[in-house]
Structure formats: C-alpha cells, structure tokens
C-alpha cells in the first residue's frame, strides 16, 4: 500500500470558500464522472440535504457533488450555488425539461465560533464549485468547511479548542481510497498512538483533560452539563475508484466510522450529528484486473473490487489519518481562539 496526497485523486475535484471574518466556510467535492454513494449517520443531530438519494432502495441516480459546510441547518441552502454552477454546464440528472444536478450536503454546527449570523451562502458554494473546474484544492486546516470547527465543548467554548478539515489517501494496487473529515467534535481527539491532539482544556487552558471523565464526574456529583453540549458534528467522506453498489458503500461508510471511534472520545453521541459518506466514482479507462470501466457506466466488476471488507478497513485507517491531519493543521493560539468566541465577537462589534 502506498500513501498518496489528495491531489493525486483525479476522480474527485475539491474547491473551498472561506469567510475569514465570520469564521465559517464550505468545501465542495465534485465528481466529474458522477458517483454512486452511501451514508451512515452515527450522531443524534445531523444537518443534511439530499441524503435520501443514497438510500439503497432508491433509483441509481449518480451524485454530481458533495458539499461539506458550516452554518448548521442554516447553511444547507448553500448547495443551490453548486447546483447553479453545474446546471450552467448542463451537468446533472437528465429530465424532459432540463438537467437536475444531484448535490448532497452535510453541515457542522459552527455558530459558536466567530459570527453566529455568518453562514455559507449560495454564492460561496458557486465559487467553490467553479474553482473545481480550474483545479483541485484539498487544503487542510482552517479553510472551507473547517473554518469554524472546534472540539472539546463539554465545559463551554471558553475551554474548547480549534478543529478543522483534514485529508488522507492511499493507493492499493489499482484502487485509490481517500478520506476527508471536518472535525467539530463534542469529545476529545487523539492520534493513532493515543496522545491527545485537542479537546476540553482545564480552567487555566494549560492542558487537555478528559471529556469522558468529566461526564462521569458530573453524573456522580449530579452536576449540570454546560449549555454548549449540543453544538457539535463531525462530518466526512470516503471516496474510491473501486466500483460498489449503494448498499456496499453504506457498509463502507459504517466501517469508516471506526476511524471516528479510534480518534474521538466520546463520539456519536446525541449531542453530535456525526455523519460519513462513501462514494465510488470511476475514471474513464480506469483498469481493474485488465478490464476497462467506462466512466462509471460499466457493470463489470473484479472479485477484489467487490471486497467491501478491504476498502472498509482501509477507509477506517485513512479516516484516522485525516482526523490527525485536521487537528495538526488547524492549530491557533489561545488569544486568537478566544477572540473569535461569541461573547468576545459581540464586544468587538460594539466597539467598532
């Protein structure tokens, strides 16, 4: 197996739009050849759009793009901009009266960082999608959907830390698998050696403490949890050029959730909206066991291509890698972090 960079994945194009003042943003993954998809929601409060098209019992309509954004449910309207960009190029599901672009979207809750009235707009999404026709920009950290991401919020935002967006990718023979994630967790985040990368800090903001232990102590001592407990969601996607059905991709998305469990504790709570997509998109002349798959329309499949276990296992490993990348790339100083919290933002606006 060979580790690769996301720029080497040529069956997905990435574009970003970032509001550096309001501290929110959006990342678009466009599938030039269309994609078959699946989804697994492990959290209790997801904000999503067009996820129904990924149900294995629905028609096999190719997905044209996935948008990952901020703004919580307010930001879901941003995908209108992606649809506009694609419609202008006649890209989408053909109907008798024009094409209908199929765009899925999931959002994180980032209203507690920066300006809560700042949300990704259709124009931002349009610009991000347009950028994918000129190149690809899988940039990690505080960009796009990762702009307003935070982690470790059980004791309130004043003791939380910055999260962000990250990527991981690998080539295994003829197959390529990639992971992208926006880490905006209720819990703490750890690297693959078990060392903390981010989470709830002590009152003096000098070191990371244990969210799970705080939960246990709150129960034993009958303490009230903080009001910010609901402002979370980690969203991500697995992409591959191996051909799979919706049902198989749903299973791969479920297996990729193991990456969340290894890296984030606690995870998948009712206070999170944790979601993972899985998409299969074939390039023209993509060779698998010497068979040619024509732009994702072929039904020919090698025995290895059908191995959900292989790709699902790799997906979980790459999700851990992407989570580490997100946290390591999104570091900000305490002064910068605290300056962007709601109460500080309001004070700053009143002074202007």
Protein backbone atom coordinates (compact mmCIF):
# COMPACT_ATOMS: atom_id res chain seq x y z
CA UNK A 1 0.00 0.00 0.00
CA UNK A 2 1.25 3.46 -0.93
CA UNK A 3 0.27 6.66 0.86
CA UNK A 4 -0.58 9.40 -1.62
CA UNK A 5 -1.73 13.01 -1.47
CA UNK A 6 -5.28 14.03 -2.32
CA UNK A 7 -4.07 15.96 -5.35
CA UNK A 8 -3.35 12.56 -6.92
CA UNK A 9 -7.04 11.62 -6.74
CA UNK A 10 -8.22 12.70 -10.17
CA UNK A 11 -11.78 11.35 -9.97
CA UNK A 12 -12.70 13.99 -7.35
CA UNK A 13 -12.12 17.74 -7.58
CA UNK A 14 -12.09 19.90 -4.45
CA UNK A 15 -12.96 23.58 -4.06
CA UNK A 16 -13.24 25.82 -0.99
CA UNK A 17 -14.92 29.05 0.04
CA UNK A 18 -13.89 30.67 3.32
CA UNK A 19 -15.35 33.55 5.32
CA UNK A 20 -12.35 34.56 7.42
CA UNK A 21 -14.29 37.35 9.13
CA UNK A 22 -17.42 35.41 10.10
CA UNK A 23 -15.40 32.20 10.62
CA UNK A 24 -17.39 29.78 8.51
CA UNK A 25 -16.99 28.18 5.11
CA UNK A 26 -17.76 25.40 2.68
CA UNK A 27 -15.87 22.69 0.81
CA UNK A 28 -17.18 21.15 -2.43
CA UNK A 29 -16.20 17.70 -3.71
CA UNK A 30 -17.21 17.41 -7.36
CA UNK A 31 -17.34 14.06 -9.14
CA UNK A 32 -16.58 14.69 -12.84
CA UNK A 33 -17.84 11.23 -13.82
CA UNK A 34 -20.68 11.06 -11.33
CA UNK A 35 -20.63 8.84 -8.26
CA UNK A 36 -22.60 6.13 -6.52
CA UNK A 37 -22.93 6.82 -2.81
CA UNK A 38 -23.85 5.56 0.63
CA UNK A 39 -24.17 7.26 4.02
CA UNK A 40 -24.00 6.35 7.69
CA UNK A 41 -25.24 8.71 10.41
CA UNK A 42 -23.95 7.76 13.85
CA UNK A 43 -24.75 11.01 15.66
CA UNK A 44 -28.06 12.19 17.03
CA UNK A 45 -28.39 15.61 15.38
CA UNK A 46 -27.31 15.68 11.71
CA UNK A 47 -27.90 18.57 9.31
CA UNK A 48 -28.09 17.10 5.81
CA UNK A 49 -29.55 17.64 2.34
CA UNK A 50 -30.38 15.11 -0.41
CA UNK A 51 -29.20 12.20 1.75
CA UNK A 52 -32.28 10.26 0.62
CA UNK A 53 -30.80 9.70 -2.84
CA UNK A 54 -28.17 7.48 -1.19
CA UNK A 55 -30.75 5.04 0.17
CA UNK A 56 -30.08 1.64 -1.46
CA UNK A 57 -33.81 1.33 -2.25
CA UNK A 58 -33.88 4.49 -4.39
CA UNK A 59 -33.07 4.89 -8.09
CA UNK A 60 -29.39 4.60 -9.08
CA UNK A 61 -29.01 8.31 -9.84
CA UNK A 62 -25.35 9.44 -9.96
CA UNK A 63 -24.33 12.11 -7.46
CA UNK A 64 -22.57 15.09 -9.02
CA UNK A 65 -21.15 16.74 -5.90
CA UNK A 66 -20.93 16.71 -2.12
CA UNK A 67 -20.82 19.92 -0.10
CA UNK A 68 -19.45 19.97 3.45
CA UNK A 69 -20.15 23.24 5.22
CA UNK A 70 -20.69 25.28 8.32
CA UNK A 71 -23.78 27.14 9.44
CA UNK A 72 -25.66 24.14 10.82
CA UNK A 73 -29.08 23.74 9.16
CA UNK A 74 -28.95 27.40 8.09
CA UNK A 75 -26.12 26.55 5.71
CA UNK A 76 -27.92 23.83 3.78
CA UNK A 77 -29.25 26.33 1.25
CA UNK A 78 -25.69 26.93 0.05
CA UNK A 79 -25.89 23.90 -2.25
CA UNK A 80 -28.15 25.94 -4.52
CA UNK A 81 -24.95 27.61 -5.67
CA UNK A 82 -23.36 24.25 -6.53
CA UNK A 83 -26.48 23.30 -8.48
CA UNK A 84 -26.35 26.60 -10.38
CA UNK A 85 -22.71 26.07 -11.34
CA UNK A 86 -23.42 22.54 -12.59
CA UNK A 87 -26.65 23.48 -14.38
CA UNK A 88 -24.80 26.17 -16.33
CA UNK A 89 -22.59 23.38 -17.69
CA UNK A 90 -25.53 21.05 -18.35
CA UNK A 91 -24.31 18.64 -15.68
CA UNK A 92 -26.88 16.64 -13.75
CA UNK A 93 -29.63 14.07 -13.97
CA UNK A 94 -31.32 14.43 -17.38
CA UNK A 95 -35.05 15.08 -17.36
CA UNK A 96 -37.53 16.07 -20.06
CA UNK A 97 -37.18 19.74 -19.12
CA UNK A 98 -33.51 20.07 -18.28
CA UNK A 99 -30.81 18.57 -16.10
CA UNK A 100 -31.14 18.43 -12.31
CA UNK A 101 -27.75 18.37 -10.56
CA UNK A 102 -27.65 15.94 -7.64
CA UNK A 103 -25.79 17.56 -4.75
CA UNK A 104 -25.61 16.10 -1.24
CA UNK A 105 -24.63 18.26 1.71
CA UNK A 106 -23.84 17.97 5.42
CA UNK A 107 -23.07 20.83 7.79
CA UNK A 108 -21.35 21.27 11.11
CA UNK A 109 -22.58 23.49 13.91
CA UNK A 110 -20.06 26.36 13.98
CA UNK A 111 -22.35 29.18 15.18
CA UNK A 112 -20.46 29.40 18.49
CA UNK A 113 -17.18 30.41 16.83
CA UNK A 114 -16.99 33.76 15.09
CA UNK A 115 -20.20 35.45 14.00
CA UNK A 116 -23.25 33.22 14.54
CA UNK A 117 -25.05 35.09 11.77
CA UNK A 118 -22.35 34.20 9.24
CA UNK A 119 -23.30 31.13 7.19
CA UNK A 120 -22.10 29.71 3.88
CA UNK A 121 -24.08 31.31 1.04
CA UNK A 122 -25.08 30.03 -2.42
CA UNK A 123 -22.54 32.45 -3.89
CA UNK A 124 -19.76 30.95 -1.78
CA UNK A 125 -20.81 27.47 -2.88
CA UNK A 126 -20.99 28.60 -6.51
CA UNK A 127 -17.46 29.99 -6.30
CA UNK A 128 -16.16 26.82 -4.62
CA UNK A 129 -17.72 24.63 -7.32
CA UNK A 130 -16.43 26.87 -10.11
CA UNK A 131 -12.92 26.50 -8.70
CA UNK A 132 -13.11 22.72 -9.22
CA UNK A 133 -13.25 23.24 -12.98
CA UNK A 134 -9.88 25.02 -12.84
CA UNK A 135 -8.08 22.66 -10.50
CA UNK A 136 -8.33 20.93 -7.14
CA UNK A 137 -7.53 22.33 -3.69
CA UNK A 138 -7.69 19.76 -0.87
CA UNK A 139 -6.31 22.21 1.70
CA UNK A 140 -6.20 21.17 5.36
CA UNK A 141 -6.86 23.20 8.49
CA UNK A 142 -8.87 26.38 8.95
CA UNK A 143 -10.23 26.60 5.44
CA UNK A 144 -13.56 25.84 3.78
CA UNK A 145 -15.78 23.69 5.99
CA UNK A 146 -13.07 23.58 8.66
CA UNK A 147 -13.02 27.35 9.24
CA UNK A 148 -15.34 27.36 12.26
CA UNK A 149 -14.75 23.82 13.55
CA UNK A 150 -13.99 23.33 17.26
CA UNK A 151 -13.58 20.39 19.66
CA UNK A 152 -13.95 19.60 23.37
CA UNK A 153 -17.02 21.63 24.33
CA UNK A 154 -18.42 19.91 27.42
CA UNK A 155 -17.31 22.81 29.65
CA UNK A 156 -18.24 25.57 27.21
CA UNK A 157 -16.43 27.29 24.38
CA UNK A 158 -14.03 29.08 26.72
CA UNK A 159 -12.40 25.71 27.39
CA UNK A 160 -12.69 24.26 23.86
CA UNK A 161 -10.02 24.09 21.13
CA UNK A 162 -9.85 24.57 17.39
CA UNK A 163 -10.73 21.77 14.95
CA UNK A 164 -10.57 21.83 11.16
CA UNK A 165 -10.64 19.88 7.91
CA UNK A 166 -8.16 17.13 7.01
CA UNK A 167 -7.37 14.53 4.36
CA UNK A 168 -5.81 11.09 3.98
CA UNK A 169 -5.34 8.90 0.89
CA UNK A 170 -3.72 5.67 -0.25
CA UNK A 171 -3.25 3.54 -3.36
CA UNK A 172 -3.67 -0.22 -3.10
CA UNK A 173 -2.86 -1.84 -6.43
CA UNK A 174 -5.25 -0.36 -8.98
CA UNK A 175 -7.51 1.09 -6.32
CA UNK A 176 -7.40 4.52 -4.73
CA UNK A 177 -9.16 5.38 -1.48
CA UNK A 178 -9.35 8.81 0.12
CA UNK A 179 -10.82 10.24 3.31
CA UNK A 180 -11.83 13.79 4.14
CA UNK A 181 -13.18 14.93 7.51
CA UNK A 182 -14.31 18.09 9.26
CA UNK A 183 -13.53 17.60 12.96
CA UNK A 184 -16.06 19.50 15.07
CA UNK A 185 -16.44 17.06 17.93
CA UNK A 186 -18.10 17.23 21.33
CA UNK A 187 -15.31 14.98 22.61
CA UNK A 188 -11.52 14.92 22.68
CA UNK A 189 -9.33 13.97 19.70
CA UNK A 190 -6.37 11.57 19.84
CA UNK A 191 -3.64 10.49 17.44
CA UNK A 192 -3.04 6.87 16.49
CA UNK A 193 -0.65 6.46 19.44
CA UNK A 194 -3.31 7.59 21.90
CA UNK A 195 -1.86 11.04 22.51
CA UNK A 196 -4.34 13.93 22.76
CA UNK A 197 -4.42 16.34 19.83
CA UNK A 198 -7.25 18.53 21.10
CA UNK A 199 -10.25 18.62 23.39
CA UNK A 200 -11.56 20.21 26.56
CA UNK A 201 -8.92 22.18 28.44
CA UNK A 202 -8.58 22.81 32.14
CA UNK A 203 -9.82 26.12 33.56
CA UNK A 204 -6.43 27.78 33.05
CA UNK A 205 -6.14 26.47 29.47
CA UNK A 206 -2.78 24.87 30.16
CA UNK A 207 -3.51 21.22 29.32
CA UNK A 208 -6.17 18.91 27.86
CA UNK A 209 -8.37 17.00 30.28
CA UNK A 210 -10.68 14.01 29.72
CA UNK A 211 -14.24 14.71 28.48
CA UNK A 212 -15.43 11.21 29.38
CA UNK A 213 -14.17 11.54 32.94
CA UNK A 214 -15.88 14.92 33.25
CA UNK A 215 -19.14 13.28 32.15
CA UNK A 216 -18.76 10.54 34.77
CA UNK A 217 -17.96 13.09 37.49
CA UNK A 218 -20.94 15.22 36.50
CA UNK A 219 -23.22 12.22 36.88
CA UNK A 220 -21.80 11.13 40.22
CA UNK A 221 -21.89 14.67 41.62
CA UNK A 222 -25.24 15.46 39.95
CA UNK A 223 -23.74 18.48 38.21
CA UNK A 224 -25.46 20.15 35.27
CA UNK A 225 -23.82 19.85 31.89
CA UNK A 226 -22.94 23.02 30.03
CA UNK A 227 -25.44 24.56 27.61
CA UNK A 228 -22.92 24.27 24.75
CA UNK A 229 -23.16 20.48 24.81
CA UNK A 230 -25.30 20.41 21.64
CA UNK A 231 -23.05 22.42 19.30
CA UNK A 232 -21.13 19.62 17.58
CA UNK A 233 -20.87 17.41 14.49
CA UNK A 234 -18.01 15.62 12.73
CA UNK A 235 -18.68 15.05 9.04
CA UNK A 236 -16.58 13.21 6.49
CA UNK A 237 -16.46 11.19 3.30
CA UNK A 238 -14.68 8.22 1.80
CA UNK A 239 -14.02 8.24 -1.95
CA UNK A 240 -12.75 5.39 -4.12
CA UNK A 241 -12.43 4.39 -7.75
CA UNK A 242 -13.43 0.81 -6.93
CA UNK A 243 -16.98 0.05 -8.15
CA UNK A 244 -19.53 -0.59 -5.41
CA UNK A 245 -23.30 -0.50 -5.04
CA UNK A 246 -25.19 1.85 -2.73
CA UNK A 247 -25.62 -0.92 -0.17
CA UNK A 248 -21.92 -1.77 -0.24
CA UNK A 249 -20.95 1.89 0.07
CA UNK A 250 -23.29 2.25 3.03
CA UNK A 251 -21.40 -0.58 4.72
CA UNK A 252 -18.07 1.07 3.86
CA UNK A 253 -19.31 4.31 5.43
CA UNK A 254 -20.30 2.33 8.54
CA UNK A 255 -16.87 0.72 8.72
CA UNK A 256 -15.18 4.11 8.28
CA UNK A 257 -16.98 5.22 11.45
CA UNK A 258 -14.47 3.01 13.29
CA UNK A 259 -11.96 5.73 12.47
CA UNK A 260 -14.09 8.19 14.40
CA UNK A 261 -14.24 5.80 17.36
CA UNK A 262 -10.47 5.30 17.41
CA UNK A 263 -9.70 9.01 17.28
CA UNK A 264 -12.55 10.83 19.06
CA UNK A 265 -13.81 10.12 22.59
CA UNK A 266 -16.71 10.21 23.23
CA UNK A 267 -18.19 10.13 19.73
CA UNK A 268 -21.55 9.52 18.06
CA UNK A 269 -23.49 10.97 20.96
CA UNK A 270 -26.94 12.54 20.79
CA UNK A 271 -25.07 15.84 21.07
CA UNK A 272 -23.24 15.14 17.80
CA UNK A 273 -24.50 14.90 14.24
CA UNK A 274 -21.68 12.61 13.14
CA UNK A 275 -22.00 11.52 9.51
CA UNK A 276 -19.82 9.71 6.97
CA UNK A 277 -20.47 9.40 3.23
CA UNK A 278 -18.86 6.87 0.91
CA UNK A 279 -18.66 7.44 -2.85
CA UNK A 280 -17.48 5.31 -5.75
CA UNK A 281 -16.51 7.09 -8.95
CA UNK A 282 -14.70 5.53 -11.92
CA UNK A 283 -12.39 7.35 -14.28
CA UNK A 284 -12.57 6.58 -17.97
CA UNK A 285 -10.03 3.91 -18.84
CA UNK A 286 -9.59 3.01 -15.18
CA UNK A 287 -8.17 -0.50 -15.40
CA UNK A 288 -9.15 -3.10 -12.84
CA UNK A 289 -7.73 -6.57 -13.44
CA UNK A 290 -7.23 -5.60 -17.12
CA UNK A 291 -10.93 -4.77 -17.57
CA UNK A 292 -11.76 -1.21 -18.63
CA UNK A 293 -14.51 0.61 -16.77
CA UNK A 294 -16.01 3.31 -18.98
CA UNK A 295 -16.73 6.38 -16.87
CA UNK A 296 -18.60 4.51 -14.18
CA UNK A 297 -21.22 3.03 -16.50
CA UNK A 298 -19.81 -0.47 -16.71
CA UNK A 299 -21.22 -3.23 -14.54
CA UNK A 300 -18.09 -5.35 -14.91
CA UNK A 301 -16.55 -6.00 -11.51
CA UNK A 302 -13.48 -7.89 -10.42
CA UNK A 303 -13.62 -10.05 -7.31
CA UNK A 304 -11.31 -7.65 -5.49
CA UNK A 305 -13.46 -4.66 -6.44
CA UNK A 306 -16.35 -6.25 -4.60
CA UNK A 307 -14.34 -6.68 -1.39
CA UNK A 308 -16.14 -4.32 0.97
CA UNK A 309 -14.04 -5.58 3.88
CA UNK A 310 -10.79 -4.46 2.26
CA UNK A 311 -11.92 -0.96 1.35
CA UNK A 312 -13.88 -0.51 4.59
CA UNK A 313 -10.85 -1.44 6.67
CA UNK A 314 -8.63 0.93 4.73
CA UNK A 315 -11.29 3.64 4.97
CA UNK A 316 -11.22 3.50 8.78
CA UNK A 317 -7.42 3.76 8.82
CA UNK A 318 -7.45 6.72 6.45
CA UNK A 319 -10.18 8.42 8.46
CA UNK A 320 -7.87 8.32 11.50
CA UNK A 321 -5.13 9.83 9.34
CA UNK A 322 -7.46 12.57 8.09
CA UNK A 323 -8.54 13.41 11.65
CA UNK A 324 -4.91 13.79 12.71
CA UNK A 325 -4.24 15.99 9.67
CA UNK A 326 -7.23 18.18 10.52
CA UNK A 327 -6.11 18.76 14.10
CA UNK A 328 -2.44 19.29 13.31
CA UNK A 329 -3.27 21.75 10.53
CA UNK A 330 -5.81 23.85 12.43
CA UNK A 331 -3.82 25.00 15.46
CA UNK A 332 -4.38 28.59 16.56
CA UNK A 333 -3.09 30.44 19.61
CA UNK A 334 -5.28 30.81 22.68
CA UNK A 335 -5.54 34.54 22.05
CA UNK A 336 -6.83 34.01 18.52
CA UNK A 337 -9.24 31.29 19.60
CA UNK A 338 -10.76 33.27 22.46
CA UNK A 339 -11.04 36.38 20.31
CA UNK A 340 -13.41 34.53 17.99
CA UNK A 341 -15.82 33.30 20.63
CA UNK A 342 -19.31 34.77 20.58
CA UNK A 343 -19.05 37.00 23.66
CA UNK A 344 -15.71 38.41 22.50
CA UNK A 345 -17.06 38.91 19.00
CA UNK A 346 -20.04 40.88 20.32
CA UNK A 347 -17.75 43.12 22.38
CA UNK A 348 -15.55 43.73 19.36
CA UNK A 349 -18.54 44.64 17.19
CA UNK A 350 -19.85 47.09 19.80
CA UNK A 351 -16.51 48.91 19.87
CA UNK A 352 -16.45 49.42 16.10
